[in-house]
Amino acid sequence: MAATIIDSRIFGDIFSDTRMRQVWSDENRTAKYLDIERALAKVQGELGLIPQEAALFLLLPYSKFVHGLYRALALLYYYREKRQPNPFASSGA
């Protein structure tokens, strides 16, 4: 089902052409949103509004970003578990 008149199979070519549908496609729009977020993170990092490391992390290409995010979460989980005693560990008795 079409979300807009441009997406419509019936009316799409009346109000738009293939190039404009590509411009307004979900993929292209999302890519542009991510470009804006990366530019914002870069400037915020330079101004000190966010840590420089966070800005660099956000500037990574998507696949490296996801990999880095996974690693960061795994490390946080590891250190959290390391600080808290395991309730299932045997008491040695």
C-alpha atoms as a PDB file:
ATOM      1  CA  MET A   1       0.000   0.000   0.000  1.00  0.00           C
ATOM      2  CA  ALA A   2       1.342   3.400  -0.939  1.00  0.00           C
ATOM      3  CA  ALA A   3       2.194   5.792   1.861  1.00  0.00           C
ATOM      4  CA  THR A   4       2.151   8.886  -0.369  1.00  0.00           C
ATOM      5  CA  ILE A   5       0.948   9.845  -3.827  1.00  0.00           C
ATOM      6  CA  ILE A   6       4.539   9.498  -5.067  1.00  0.00           C
ATOM      7  CA  ASP A   7       4.619   5.854  -3.922  1.00  0.00           C
ATOM      8  CA  SER A   8       1.357   5.059  -5.687  1.00  0.00           C
ATOM      9  CA  ARG A   9       1.617   2.690  -8.647  1.00  0.00           C
ATOM     10  CA  ILE A  10      -1.347   4.439 -10.222  1.00  0.00           C
ATOM     11  CA  PHE A  11      -0.483   8.115  -9.660  1.00  0.00           C
ATOM     12  CA  GLY A  12       3.270   7.964  -9.039  1.00  0.00           C
ATOM     13  CA  ASP A  13       4.403   8.901 -12.545  1.00  0.00           C
ATOM     14  CA  ILE A  14       1.890  11.735 -12.825  1.00  0.00           C
ATOM     15  CA  PHE A  15       3.399  13.716  -9.970  1.00  0.00           C
ATOM     16  CA  SER A  16       6.961  12.453 -10.025  1.00  0.00           C
ATOM     17  CA  ASP A  17       9.545  10.509 -11.975  1.00  0.00           C
ATOM     18  CA  THR A  18      11.992   7.753 -11.082  1.00  0.00           C
ATOM     19  CA  ARG A  19      14.723  10.172 -10.007  1.00  0.00           C
ATOM     20  CA  MET A  20      12.468  12.028  -7.579  1.00  0.00           C
ATOM     21  CA  ARG A  21      11.142   8.785  -6.134  1.00  0.00           C
ATOM     22  CA  GLN A  22      14.757   7.839  -5.427  1.00  0.00           C
ATOM     23  CA  VAL A  23      15.369  11.189  -3.719  1.00  0.00           C
ATOM     24  CA  TRP A  24      12.374  10.667  -1.431  1.00  0.00           C
ATOM     25  CA  SER A  25      12.837   6.926  -0.932  1.00  0.00           C
ATOM     26  CA  ASP A  26      13.064   5.597   2.617  1.00  0.00           C
ATOM     27  CA  GLU A  27      16.635   4.461   2.036  1.00  0.00           C
ATOM     28  CA  ASN A  28      17.857   7.826   0.738  1.00  0.00           C
ATOM     29  CA  ARG A  29      15.969   9.824   3.372  1.00  0.00           C
ATOM     30  CA  THR A  30      17.391   7.650   6.159  1.00  0.00           C
ATOM     31  CA  ALA A  31      20.906   7.969   4.723  1.00  0.00           C
ATOM     32  CA  LYS A  32      20.551  11.760   4.700  1.00  0.00           C
ATOM     33  CA  TYR A  33      19.286  11.738   8.298  1.00  0.00           C
ATOM     34  CA  LEU A  34      22.370   9.742   9.307  1.00  0.00           C
ATOM     35  CA  ASP A  35      24.604  12.192   7.411  1.00  0.00           C
ATOM     36  CA  ILE A  36      23.075  15.023   9.441  1.00  0.00           C
ATOM     37  CA  GLU A  37      23.534  13.119  12.703  1.00  0.00           C
ATOM     38  CA  ARG A  38      27.197  12.438  11.877  1.00  0.00           C
ATOM     39  CA  ALA A  39      27.817  16.109  11.008  1.00  0.00           C
ATOM     40  CA  LEU A  40      26.128  17.176  14.235  1.00  0.00           C
ATOM     41  CA  ALA A  41      28.202  14.725  16.299  1.00  0.00           C
ATOM     42  CA  LYS A  42      31.402  15.976  14.667  1.00  0.00           C
ATOM     43  CA  VAL A  43      30.644  19.612  15.499  1.00  0.00           C
ATOM     44  CA  GLN A  44      29.432  18.801  19.017  1.00  0.00           C
ATOM     45  CA  GLY A  45      32.649  16.860  19.621  1.00  0.00           C
ATOM     46  CA  GLU A  46      34.763  19.768  18.369  1.00  0.00           C
ATOM     47  CA  LEU A  47      32.871  22.185  20.627  1.00  0.00           C
ATOM     48  CA  GLY A  48      33.138  19.880  23.626  1.00  0.00           C
ATOM     49  CA  LEU A  49      29.384  19.407  23.969  1.00  0.00           C
ATOM     50  CA  ILE A  50      29.865  15.643  23.789  1.00  0.00           C
ATOM     51  CA  PRO A  51      33.051  13.666  24.466  1.00  0.00           C
ATOM     52  CA  GLN A  52      35.376  13.581  21.449  1.00  0.00           C
ATOM     53  CA  GLU A  53      35.463   9.771  21.679  1.00  0.00           C
ATOM     54  CA  ALA A  54      31.677   9.622  21.343  1.00  0.00           C
ATOM     55  CA  ALA A  55      31.822  11.868  18.290  1.00  0.00           C
ATOM     56  CA  LEU A  56      34.473   9.676  16.681  1.00  0.00           C
ATOM     57  CA  PHE A  57      32.406   6.597  17.478  1.00  0.00           C
ATOM     58  CA  LEU A  58      29.370   8.102  15.747  1.00  0.00           C
ATOM     59  CA  LEU A  59      31.425   9.006  12.677  1.00  0.00           C
ATOM     60  CA  LEU A  60      32.297   5.392  11.933  1.00  0.00           C
ATOM     61  CA  PRO A  61      30.721   3.734   8.883  1.00  0.00           C
ATOM     62  CA  TYR A  62      27.516   1.906   9.834  1.00  0.00           C
ATOM     63  CA  SER A  63      28.931  -1.637   9.893  1.00  0.00           C
ATOM     64  CA  LYS A  64      31.880  -0.563  12.038  1.00  0.00           C
ATOM     65  CA  PHE A  65      29.529   1.480  14.212  1.00  0.00           C
ATOM     66  CA  VAL A  66      27.330  -1.537  14.900  1.00  0.00           C
ATOM     67  CA  HIS A  67      30.377  -3.701  15.573  1.00  0.00           C
ATOM     68  CA  GLY A  68      31.800  -1.052  17.896  1.00  0.00           C
ATOM     69  CA  LEU A  69      28.484  -0.650  19.669  1.00  0.00           C
ATOM     70  CA  TYR A  70      28.264  -4.405  20.193  1.00  0.00           C
ATOM     71  CA  ARG A  71      31.798  -4.484  21.600  1.00  0.00           C
ATOM     72  CA  ALA A  72      31.130  -1.513  23.885  1.00  0.00           C
ATOM     73  CA  LEU A  73      27.984  -3.137  25.248  1.00  0.00           C
ATOM     74  CA  ALA A  74      29.798  -6.428  25.736  1.00  0.00           C
ATOM     75  CA  LEU A  75      32.543  -4.663  27.695  1.00  0.00           C
ATOM     76  CA  LEU A  76      30.011  -2.800  29.829  1.00  0.00           C
ATOM     77  CA  TYR A  77      28.224  -6.069  30.544  1.00  0.00           C
ATOM     78  CA  TYR A  78      31.514  -7.769  31.402  1.00  0.00           C
ATOM     79  CA  TYR A  79      32.579  -5.042  33.834  1.00  0.00           C
ATOM     80  CA  ARG A  80      29.145  -4.874  35.428  1.00  0.00           C
ATOM     81  CA  GLU A  81      29.174  -8.633  35.987  1.00  0.00           C
ATOM     82  CA  LYS A  82      32.739  -8.496  37.264  1.00  0.00           C
ATOM     83  CA  ARG A  83      31.786  -5.933  39.957  1.00  0.00           C
ATOM     84  CA  GLN A  84      28.709  -7.770  41.163  1.00  0.00           C
ATOM     85  CA  PRO A  85      28.924 -11.160  42.828  1.00  0.00           C
ATOM     86  CA  ASN A  86      27.295 -13.946  40.897  1.00  0.00           C
ATOM     87  CA  PRO A  87      24.246 -15.134  42.867  1.00  0.00           C
ATOM     88  CA  PHE A  88      24.524 -18.580  41.264  1.00  0.00           C
ATOM     89  CA  ALA A  89      28.163 -19.149  42.165  1.00  0.00           C
ATOM     90  CA  SER A  90      28.811 -21.819  44.765  1.00  0.00           C
ATOM     91  CA  SER A  91      29.776 -20.510  48.175  1.00  0.00           C
ATOM     92  CA  GLY A  92      32.495 -23.119  48.504  1.00  0.00           C
ATOM     93  CA  ALA A  93      30.755 -24.813  51.437  1.00  0.00           C
END
